[in-house]
Amino acid sequence: MASWTQYLIVCPLIFLGGFVDAIAGGGGLITLPAYLIAGLPVHMSIGTNKISAFMGTSVATFKFWQEGYIRPRLCLPCVAFALAGSAAGANLALLVDDGAFRILLLVVLPLTAVYVFRSKSLDAAKPPLSPRRTLAVCCALALVFGVYDGFYGPGTGTFLLLLLTGLAHLSLHDAAGTTKAINLSTSVAALVTYLVNGQVRLSLGLAAGLFGIAGNYLGARCFTDRGAKIVKPLIALVLAIFFVKVIYDTFL
């Protein structure tokens, strides 16, 4: 049962994560540390974070479907690979000791943040690959990032968008739609795995998910060309708090 203190810490940070994600991506760099800062164990934090991720991604995926950015013939095979990869990644994460996972996050989180925010703008459109090669590349990426998202998560959407345009030569619209379909699938598979293993605070995750949707909505309405410059200091602040908390819990 989550305490009111945990709600007061997590919900505003999930709102902030949604706001950041809508403007510049990388919101997961805030949402996962939010649960850890609130005192949840690592596996419980990852599992509960999947609820808010699922809720936000569901809304975005439905919107992309309405806009015609999701191609079923391409996305459905990718979804199958993403589901398998995410379930495997989540089960692998459950095998890692809580203390070891915290130390791992001290290394992985900042590296993810650096990659996400040093990534260059998306390249200009490239000549399309053959349909068979496009499908093969997309399915391989879905499998790899399914494992990554099930095991850890932050940055998945950004990584996928960059690689689907760069390696699979998808247009930006097709890459964005395929990214959402894969991301939704990985969230579902990982969430089910963590639920089955009792690693989800359901009420906290649902409440946080509503705040995340609100943050995404406001972020989309407040988007400006200066958005990325605004959100980087916010992410740096949350990561700094997370680092202090993990170091204190682990070594002091």
C-alpha atoms as a PDB file:
ATOM      1  CA  MET A   1       0.000   0.000   0.000  1.00  0.00           C
ATOM      2  CA  ALA A   2       1.494   3.327  -1.064  1.00  0.00           C
ATOM      3  CA  SER A   3       1.735   6.128   1.503  1.00  0.00           C
ATOM      4  CA  TRP A   4       0.489   9.672   0.924  1.00  0.00           C
ATOM      5  CA  THR A   5       4.100  10.816   0.943  1.00  0.00           C
ATOM      6  CA  GLN A   6       4.806   8.560  -2.017  1.00  0.00           C
ATOM      7  CA  TYR A   7       1.823   9.997  -3.900  1.00  0.00           C
ATOM      8  CA  LEU A   8       3.040  13.527  -3.179  1.00  0.00           C
ATOM      9  CA  ILE A   9       6.520  12.706  -4.498  1.00  0.00           C
ATOM     10  CA  VAL A  10       5.616  10.509  -7.459  1.00  0.00           C
ATOM     11  CA  CYS A  11       2.588  12.216  -9.029  1.00  0.00           C
ATOM     12  CA  PRO A  12       4.161  15.658  -9.601  1.00  0.00           C
ATOM     13  CA  LEU A  13       7.324  14.048 -10.991  1.00  0.00           C
ATOM     14  CA  ILE A  14       5.316  11.826 -13.353  1.00  0.00           C
ATOM     15  CA  PHE A  15       3.446  14.951 -14.493  1.00  0.00           C
ATOM     16  CA  LEU A  16       6.837  16.600 -15.104  1.00  0.00           C
ATOM     17  CA  GLY A  17       8.034  13.504 -16.964  1.00  0.00           C
ATOM     18  CA  GLY A  18       4.996  13.620 -19.242  1.00  0.00           C
ATOM     19  CA  PHE A  19       5.523  17.338 -19.849  1.00  0.00           C
ATOM     20  CA  VAL A  20       9.185  16.770 -20.735  1.00  0.00           C
ATOM     21  CA  ASP A  21       8.385  13.803 -22.966  1.00  0.00           C
ATOM     22  CA  ALA A  22       5.882  15.790 -25.013  1.00  0.00           C
ATOM     23  CA  ILE A  23       8.376  18.610 -25.584  1.00  0.00           C
ATOM     24  CA  ALA A  24      11.682  16.853 -26.163  1.00  0.00           C
ATOM     25  CA  GLY A  25      11.407  13.150 -25.316  1.00  0.00           C
ATOM     26  CA  GLY A  26      13.325  11.473 -22.500  1.00  0.00           C
ATOM     27  CA  GLY A  27      10.524  11.670 -19.936  1.00  0.00           C
ATOM     28  CA  GLY A  28      11.422   8.183 -18.699  1.00  0.00           C
ATOM     29  CA  LEU A  29      14.622   9.668 -17.313  1.00  0.00           C
ATOM     30  CA  ILE A  30      12.362  11.381 -14.771  1.00  0.00           C
ATOM     31  CA  THR A  31       9.540   8.876 -14.263  1.00  0.00           C
ATOM     32  CA  LEU A  32      11.638   5.861 -13.194  1.00  0.00           C
ATOM     33  CA  PRO A  33      13.750   7.821 -10.671  1.00  0.00           C
ATOM     34  CA  ALA A  34      10.492   9.304  -9.291  1.00  0.00           C
ATOM     35  CA  TYR A  35       9.484   5.953  -7.799  1.00  0.00           C
ATOM     36  CA  LEU A  36      12.987   5.280  -6.508  1.00  0.00           C
ATOM     37  CA  ILE A  37      13.135   8.710  -4.862  1.00  0.00           C
ATOM     38  CA  ALA A  38       9.804   7.872  -3.194  1.00  0.00           C
ATOM     39  CA  GLY A  39      11.410   4.805  -1.620  1.00  0.00           C
ATOM     40  CA  LEU A  40      10.032   1.947  -3.719  1.00  0.00           C
ATOM     41  CA  PRO A  41      12.332  -1.045  -4.351  1.00  0.00           C
ATOM     42  CA  VAL A  42      13.903  -1.141  -7.810  1.00  0.00           C
ATOM     43  CA  HIS A  43      11.752  -3.899  -9.289  1.00  0.00           C
ATOM     44  CA  MET A  44       8.598  -2.361  -7.814  1.00  0.00           C
ATOM     45  CA  SER A  45       9.635   1.002  -9.281  1.00  0.00           C
ATOM     46  CA  ILE A  46      10.142  -0.417 -12.767  1.00  0.00           C
ATOM     47  CA  GLY A  47       6.879  -2.395 -12.628  1.00  0.00           C
ATOM     48  CA  THR A  48       4.796   0.513 -11.358  1.00  0.00           C
ATOM     49  CA  ASN A  49       6.381   2.863 -13.869  1.00  0.00           C
ATOM     50  CA  LYS A  50       5.086   0.568 -16.625  1.00  0.00           C
ATOM     51  CA  ILE A  51       1.484   1.495 -15.715  1.00  0.00           C
ATOM     52  CA  SER A  52       1.962   5.204 -16.347  1.00  0.00           C
ATOM     53  CA  ALA A  53       4.030   4.386 -19.443  1.00  0.00           C
ATOM     54  CA  PHE A  54       1.253   2.157 -20.753  1.00  0.00           C
ATOM     55  CA  MET A  55      -1.442   4.761 -20.119  1.00  0.00           C
ATOM     56  CA  GLY A  56       0.435   7.578 -21.808  1.00  0.00           C
ATOM     57  CA  THR A  57       1.574   5.463 -24.745  1.00  0.00           C
ATOM     58  CA  SER A  58      -1.961   4.122 -25.284  1.00  0.00           C
ATOM     59  CA  VAL A  59      -3.308   7.633 -25.778  1.00  0.00           C
ATOM     60  CA  ALA A  60      -0.462   8.557 -28.126  1.00  0.00           C
ATOM     61  CA  THR A  61      -0.763   5.317 -30.110  1.00  0.00           C
ATOM     62  CA  PHE A  62      -4.502   5.802 -30.621  1.00  0.00           C
ATOM     63  CA  LYS A  63      -3.834   9.311 -31.910  1.00  0.00           C
ATOM     64  CA  PHE A  64      -1.189   8.042 -34.341  1.00  0.00           C
ATOM     65  CA  TRP A  65      -3.590   5.321 -35.523  1.00  0.00           C
ATOM     66  CA  GLN A  66      -6.225   7.951 -36.251  1.00  0.00           C
ATOM     67  CA  GLU A  67      -3.669   9.972 -38.213  1.00  0.00           C
ATOM     68  CA  GLY A  68      -2.803   6.931 -40.350  1.00  0.00           C
ATOM     69  CA  TYR A  69       0.829   6.694 -39.207  1.00  0.00           C
ATOM     70  CA  ILE A  70       0.587   3.031 -38.158  1.00  0.00           C
ATOM     71  CA  ARG A  71       0.919   0.536 -41.040  1.00  0.00           C
ATOM     72  CA  PRO A  72      -0.558  -2.810 -39.890  1.00  0.00           C
ATOM     73  CA  ARG A  73       1.502  -4.980 -42.261  1.00  0.00           C
ATOM     74  CA  LEU A  74       4.696  -3.512 -40.840  1.00  0.00           C
ATOM     75  CA  CYS A  75       3.648  -2.983 -37.243  1.00  0.00           C
ATOM     76  CA  LEU A  76       1.931  -6.292 -36.421  1.00  0.00           C
ATOM     77  CA  PRO A  77       5.065  -8.459 -36.918  1.00  0.00           C
ATOM     78  CA  CYS A  78       7.064  -5.855 -34.961  1.00  0.00           C
ATOM     79  CA  VAL A  79       4.532  -6.071 -32.138  1.00  0.00           C
ATOM     80  CA  ALA A  80       5.013  -9.853 -31.916  1.00  0.00           C
ATOM     81  CA  PHE A  81       8.809  -9.478 -31.630  1.00  0.00           C
ATOM     82  CA  ALA A  82       8.439  -6.603 -29.146  1.00  0.00           C
ATOM     83  CA  LEU A  83       6.141  -8.640 -26.892  1.00  0.00           C
ATOM     84  CA  ALA A  84       8.581 -11.547 -26.806  1.00  0.00           C
ATOM     85  CA  GLY A  85      11.575  -9.318 -26.172  1.00  0.00           C
ATOM     86  CA  SER A  86       9.915  -7.290 -23.443  1.00  0.00           C
ATOM     87  CA  ALA A  87       8.720 -10.357 -21.532  1.00  0.00           C
ATOM     88  CA  ALA A  88      12.259 -11.780 -21.684  1.00  0.00           C
ATOM     89  CA  GLY A  89      13.780  -8.478 -20.547  1.00  0.00           C
ATOM     90  CA  ALA A  90      11.384  -8.134 -17.609  1.00  0.00           C
ATOM     91  CA  ASN A  91      12.053 -11.686 -16.442  1.00  0.00           C
ATOM     92  CA  LEU A  92      15.776 -11.040 -16.724  1.00  0.00           C
ATOM     93  CA  ALA A  93      15.450  -7.869 -14.626  1.00  0.00           C
ATOM     94  CA  LEU A  94      13.653  -9.814 -11.884  1.00  0.00           C
ATOM     95  CA  LEU A  95      16.727 -12.038 -11.544  1.00  0.00           C
ATOM     96  CA  VAL A  96      18.980  -9.073 -10.677  1.00  0.00           C
ATOM     97  CA  ASP A  97      19.408  -8.299  -6.976  1.00  0.00           C
ATOM     98  CA  ASP A  98      17.880  -4.990  -5.824  1.00  0.00           C
ATOM     99  CA  GLY A  99      21.178  -3.577  -4.567  1.00  0.00           C
ATOM    100  CA  ALA A 100      23.046  -4.553  -7.717  1.00  0.00           C
ATOM    101  CA  PHE A 101      20.282  -3.014  -9.842  1.00  0.00           C
ATOM    102  CA  ARG A 102      20.609   0.319  -8.009  1.00  0.00           C
ATOM    103  CA  ILE A 103      24.332   0.436  -8.702  1.00  0.00           C
ATOM    104  CA  LEU A 104      23.667  -0.515 -12.328  1.00  0.00           C
ATOM    105  CA  LEU A 105      21.209   2.373 -12.635  1.00  0.00           C
ATOM    106  CA  LEU A 106      23.844   4.792 -11.340  1.00  0.00           C
ATOM    107  CA  VAL A 107      25.824   3.960 -14.482  1.00  0.00           C
ATOM    108  CA  VAL A 108      23.084   3.377 -17.050  1.00  0.00           C
ATOM    109  CA  LEU A 109      20.807   6.363 -16.320  1.00  0.00           C
ATOM    110  CA  PRO A 110      23.387   9.096 -16.992  1.00  0.00           C
ATOM    111  CA  LEU A 111      24.666   7.288 -20.101  1.00  0.00           C
ATOM    112  CA  THR A 112      21.110   7.101 -21.416  1.00  0.00           C
ATOM    113  CA  ALA A 113      20.569  10.787 -20.676  1.00  0.00           C
ATOM    114  CA  VAL A 114      23.755  11.764 -22.507  1.00  0.00           C
ATOM    115  CA  TYR A 115      22.821   9.710 -25.571  1.00  0.00           C
ATOM    116  CA  VAL A 116      19.246  10.983 -25.729  1.00  0.00           C
ATOM    117  CA  PHE A 117      20.196  14.635 -25.554  1.00  0.00           C
ATOM    118  CA  ARG A 118      23.322  14.487 -27.698  1.00  0.00           C
ATOM    119  CA  SER A 119      21.515  12.693 -30.526  1.00  0.00           C
ATOM    120  CA  LYS A 120      21.507  14.791 -33.653  1.00  0.00           C
ATOM    121  CA  SER A 121      18.357  15.815 -35.454  1.00  0.00           C
ATOM    122  CA  LEU A 122      16.754  13.139 -37.590  1.00  0.00           C
ATOM    123  CA  ASP A 123      18.438  12.756 -40.947  1.00  0.00           C
ATOM    124  CA  ALA A 124      16.746  13.727 -44.168  1.00  0.00           C
ATOM    125  CA  ALA A 125      14.571  11.076 -45.790  1.00  0.00           C
ATOM    126  CA  LYS A 126      16.582   8.155 -47.190  1.00  0.00           C
ATOM    127  CA  PRO A 127      15.702   5.947 -50.151  1.00  0.00           C
ATOM    128  CA  PRO A 128      13.410   3.137 -48.931  1.00  0.00           C
ATOM    129  CA  LEU A 129      14.677  -0.415 -48.507  1.00  0.00           C
ATOM    130  CA  SER A 130      12.918  -3.370 -50.066  1.00  0.00           C
ATOM    131  CA  PRO A 131       9.741  -4.374 -48.171  1.00  0.00           C
ATOM    132  CA  ARG A 132      11.336  -7.621 -46.955  1.00  0.00           C
ATOM    133  CA  ARG A 133      14.498  -5.890 -45.725  1.00  0.00           C
ATOM    134  CA  THR A 134      12.478  -3.104 -44.087  1.00  0.00           C
ATOM    135  CA  LEU A 135      10.419  -5.672 -42.193  1.00  0.00           C
ATOM    136  CA  ALA A 136      13.519  -7.613 -41.118  1.00  0.00           C
ATOM    137  CA  VAL A 137      15.274  -4.518 -39.775  1.00  0.00           C
ATOM    138  CA  CYS A 138      12.157  -3.272 -37.970  1.00  0.00           C
ATOM    139  CA  CYS A 139      11.475  -6.673 -36.357  1.00  0.00           C
ATOM    140  CA  ALA A 140      15.097  -6.958 -35.206  1.00  0.00           C
ATOM    141  CA  LEU A 141      14.906  -3.502 -33.612  1.00  0.00           C
ATOM    142  CA  ALA A 142      11.563  -4.405 -32.006  1.00  0.00           C
ATOM    143  CA  LEU A 143      13.112  -7.508 -30.421  1.00  0.00           C
ATOM    144  CA  VAL A 144      16.241  -5.744 -29.156  1.00  0.00           C
ATOM    145  CA  PHE A 145      14.399  -2.764 -27.723  1.00  0.00           C
ATOM    146  CA  GLY A 146      11.682  -5.022 -26.367  1.00  0.00           C
ATOM    147  CA  VAL A 147      14.347  -6.652 -24.199  1.00  0.00           C
ATOM    148  CA  TYR A 148      15.743  -3.227 -23.273  1.00  0.00           C
ATOM    149  CA  ASP A 149      12.346  -1.778 -22.368  1.00  0.00           C
ATOM    150  CA  GLY A 150      11.358  -4.820 -20.324  1.00  0.00           C
ATOM    151  CA  PHE A 151      14.641  -4.739 -18.440  1.00  0.00           C
ATOM    152  CA  TYR A 152      15.001  -0.972 -17.986  1.00  0.00           C
ATOM    153  CA  GLY A 153      13.050   1.368 -20.285  1.00  0.00           C
ATOM    154  CA  PRO A 154      14.023   5.059 -20.334  1.00  0.00           C
ATOM    155  CA  GLY A 155      14.930   6.377 -23.775  1.00  0.00           C
ATOM    156  CA  THR A 156      13.289   3.510 -25.688  1.00  0.00           C
ATOM    157  CA  GLY A 157      11.072   5.761 -27.829  1.00  0.00           C
ATOM    158  CA  THR A 158      13.927   8.094 -28.729  1.00  0.00           C
ATOM    159  CA  PHE A 159      16.288   5.245 -29.611  1.00  0.00           C
ATOM    160  CA  LEU A 160      13.654   3.547 -31.761  1.00  0.00           C
ATOM    161  CA  LEU A 161      12.727   6.700 -33.654  1.00  0.00           C
ATOM    162  CA  LEU A 162      16.362   7.420 -34.487  1.00  0.00           C
ATOM    163  CA  LEU A 163      17.125   3.864 -35.603  1.00  0.00           C
ATOM    164  CA  LEU A 164      13.921   3.282 -37.550  1.00  0.00           C
ATOM    165  CA  THR A 165      14.702   6.348 -39.647  1.00  0.00           C
ATOM    166  CA  GLY A 166      18.447   5.702 -39.787  1.00  0.00           C
ATOM    167  CA  LEU A 167      18.607   1.927 -40.324  1.00  0.00           C
ATOM    168  CA  ALA A 168      15.183   0.968 -41.670  1.00  0.00           C
ATOM    169  CA  HIS A 169      14.917   4.149 -43.806  1.00  0.00           C
ATOM    170  CA  LEU A 170      11.326   4.780 -42.688  1.00  0.00           C
ATOM    171  CA  SER A 171       9.784   8.203 -43.171  1.00  0.00           C
ATOM    172  CA  LEU A 172       9.433  10.234 -40.000  1.00  0.00           C
ATOM    173  CA  HIS A 173       5.662   9.595 -39.870  1.00  0.00           C
ATOM    174  CA  ASP A 174       6.018   5.841 -40.382  1.00  0.00           C
ATOM    175  CA  ALA A 175       8.875   5.678 -37.870  1.00  0.00           C
ATOM    176  CA  ALA A 176       6.855   7.573 -35.265  1.00  0.00           C
ATOM    177  CA  GLY A 177       3.817   5.323 -35.743  1.00  0.00           C
ATOM    178  CA  THR A 178       5.893   2.138 -35.634  1.00  0.00           C
ATOM    179  CA  THR A 179       7.706   3.397 -32.536  1.00  0.00           C
ATOM    180  CA  LYS A 180       4.405   3.926 -30.718  1.00  0.00           C
ATOM    181  CA  ALA A 181       3.109   0.464 -31.687  1.00  0.00           C
ATOM    182  CA  ILE A 182       6.328  -1.189 -30.476  1.00  0.00           C
ATOM    183  CA  ASN A 183       6.487   0.923 -27.323  1.00  0.00           C
ATOM    184  CA  LEU A 184       2.904   0.103 -26.390  1.00  0.00           C
ATOM    185  CA  SER A 185       3.584  -3.606 -26.878  1.00  0.00           C
ATOM    186  CA  THR A 186       6.718  -3.571 -24.728  1.00  0.00           C
ATOM    187  CA  SER A 187       4.862  -1.721 -21.971  1.00  0.00           C
ATOM    188  CA  VAL A 188       2.058  -4.309 -21.979  1.00  0.00           C
ATOM    189  CA  ALA A 189       4.351  -7.349 -21.898  1.00  0.00           C
ATOM    190  CA  ALA A 190       6.582  -5.939 -19.170  1.00  0.00           C
ATOM    191  CA  LEU A 191       3.607  -4.759 -17.100  1.00  0.00           C
ATOM    192  CA  VAL A 192       1.984  -8.206 -17.202  1.00  0.00           C
ATOM    193  CA  THR A 193       5.264  -9.837 -16.154  1.00  0.00           C
ATOM    194  CA  TYR A 194       5.722  -7.488 -13.205  1.00  0.00           C
ATOM    195  CA  LEU A 195       2.050  -7.844 -12.203  1.00  0.00           C
ATOM    196  CA  VAL A 196       2.286 -11.648 -12.180  1.00  0.00           C
ATOM    197  CA  ASN A 197       5.363 -11.380  -9.951  1.00  0.00           C
ATOM    198  CA  GLY A 198       3.709  -8.919  -7.533  1.00  0.00           C
ATOM    199  CA  GLN A 199       6.027  -6.029  -8.420  1.00  0.00           C
ATOM    200  CA  VAL A 200       3.423  -3.318  -9.116  1.00  0.00           C
ATOM    201  CA  ARG A 201       1.759  -0.751  -6.813  1.00  0.00           C
ATOM    202  CA  LEU A 202      -1.452  -0.574  -8.796  1.00  0.00           C
ATOM    203  CA  SER A 203      -3.185   2.386  -7.121  1.00  0.00           C
ATOM    204  CA  LEU A 204      -0.033   4.527  -7.181  1.00  0.00           C
ATOM    205  CA  GLY A 205       0.676   3.626 -10.810  1.00  0.00           C
ATOM    206  CA  LEU A 206      -2.871   4.454 -11.951  1.00  0.00           C
ATOM    207  CA  ALA A 207      -2.872   7.807 -10.152  1.00  0.00           C
ATOM    208  CA  ALA A 208       0.573   8.632 -11.544  1.00  0.00           C
ATOM    209  CA  GLY A 209      -0.581   7.616 -15.019  1.00  0.00           C
ATOM    210  CA  LEU A 210      -3.335  10.238 -14.942  1.00  0.00           C
ATOM    211  CA  PHE A 211      -0.780  12.875 -13.979  1.00  0.00           C
ATOM    212  CA  GLY A 212       1.467  11.665 -16.807  1.00  0.00           C
ATOM    213  CA  ILE A 213      -1.340  12.048 -19.359  1.00  0.00           C
ATOM    214  CA  ALA A 214      -2.024  15.567 -18.072  1.00  0.00           C
ATOM    215  CA  GLY A 215       1.674  16.436 -18.326  1.00  0.00           C
ATOM    216  CA  ASN A 216       1.837  15.131 -21.899  1.00  0.00           C
ATOM    217  CA  TYR A 217      -1.225  17.166 -22.845  1.00  0.00           C
ATOM    218  CA  LEU A 218       0.118  20.382 -21.335  1.00  0.00           C
ATOM    219  CA  GLY A 219       3.586  19.806 -22.777  1.00  0.00           C
ATOM    220  CA  ALA A 220       2.141  19.362 -26.264  1.00  0.00           C
ATOM    221  CA  ARG A 221       0.225  22.630 -25.929  1.00  0.00           C
ATOM    222  CA  CYS A 222       3.255  24.503 -24.582  1.00  0.00           C
ATOM    223  CA  PHE A 223       5.733  23.180 -27.148  1.00  0.00           C
ATOM    224  CA  THR A 224       8.230  25.749 -28.445  1.00  0.00           C
ATOM    225  CA  ASP A 225      11.480  25.551 -30.370  1.00  0.00           C
ATOM    226  CA  ARG A 226      13.253  26.224 -27.086  1.00  0.00           C
ATOM    227  CA  GLY A 227      11.627  23.228 -25.406  1.00  0.00           C
ATOM    228  CA  ALA A 228      14.703  21.000 -25.286  1.00  0.00           C
ATOM    229  CA  LYS A 229      16.729  23.782 -23.646  1.00  0.00           C
ATOM    230  CA  ILE A 230      14.053  24.141 -20.974  1.00  0.00           C
ATOM    231  CA  VAL A 231      13.713  20.465 -20.075  1.00  0.00           C
ATOM    232  CA  LYS A 232      17.385  19.490 -19.895  1.00  0.00           C
ATOM    233  CA  PRO A 233      17.987  21.294 -16.575  1.00  0.00           C
ATOM    234  CA  LEU A 234      14.815  19.695 -15.168  1.00  0.00           C
ATOM    235  CA  ILE A 235      16.035  16.210 -16.023  1.00  0.00           C
ATOM    236  CA  ALA A 236      19.479  17.008 -14.622  1.00  0.00           C
ATOM    237  CA  LEU A 237      17.891  18.127 -11.328  1.00  0.00           C
ATOM    238  CA  VAL A 238      15.775  14.958 -10.960  1.00  0.00           C
ATOM    239  CA  LEU A 239      18.759  12.732 -11.790  1.00  0.00           C
ATOM    240  CA  ALA A 240      20.878  14.571  -9.217  1.00  0.00           C
ATOM    241  CA  ILE A 241      18.239  13.947  -6.524  1.00  0.00           C
ATOM    242  CA  PHE A 242      18.042  10.301  -7.594  1.00  0.00           C
ATOM    243  CA  PHE A 243      21.832   9.915  -7.391  1.00  0.00           C
ATOM    244  CA  VAL A 244      21.966  11.340  -3.873  1.00  0.00           C
ATOM    245  CA  LYS A 245      19.101   9.070  -2.767  1.00  0.00           C
ATOM    246  CA  VAL A 246      20.633   5.885  -4.214  1.00  0.00           C
ATOM    247  CA  ILE A 247      24.115   6.656  -2.881  1.00  0.00           C
ATOM    248  CA  TYR A 248      22.650   7.355   0.579  1.00  0.00           C
ATOM    249  CA  ASP A 249      20.570   4.140   0.602  1.00  0.00           C
ATOM    250  CA  THR A 250      23.396   1.996  -0.754  1.00  0.00           C
ATOM    251  CA  PHE A 251      26.492   3.238   1.021  1.00  0.00           C
ATOM    252  CA  LEU A 252      25.395   5.145   4.147  1.00  0.00           C
END
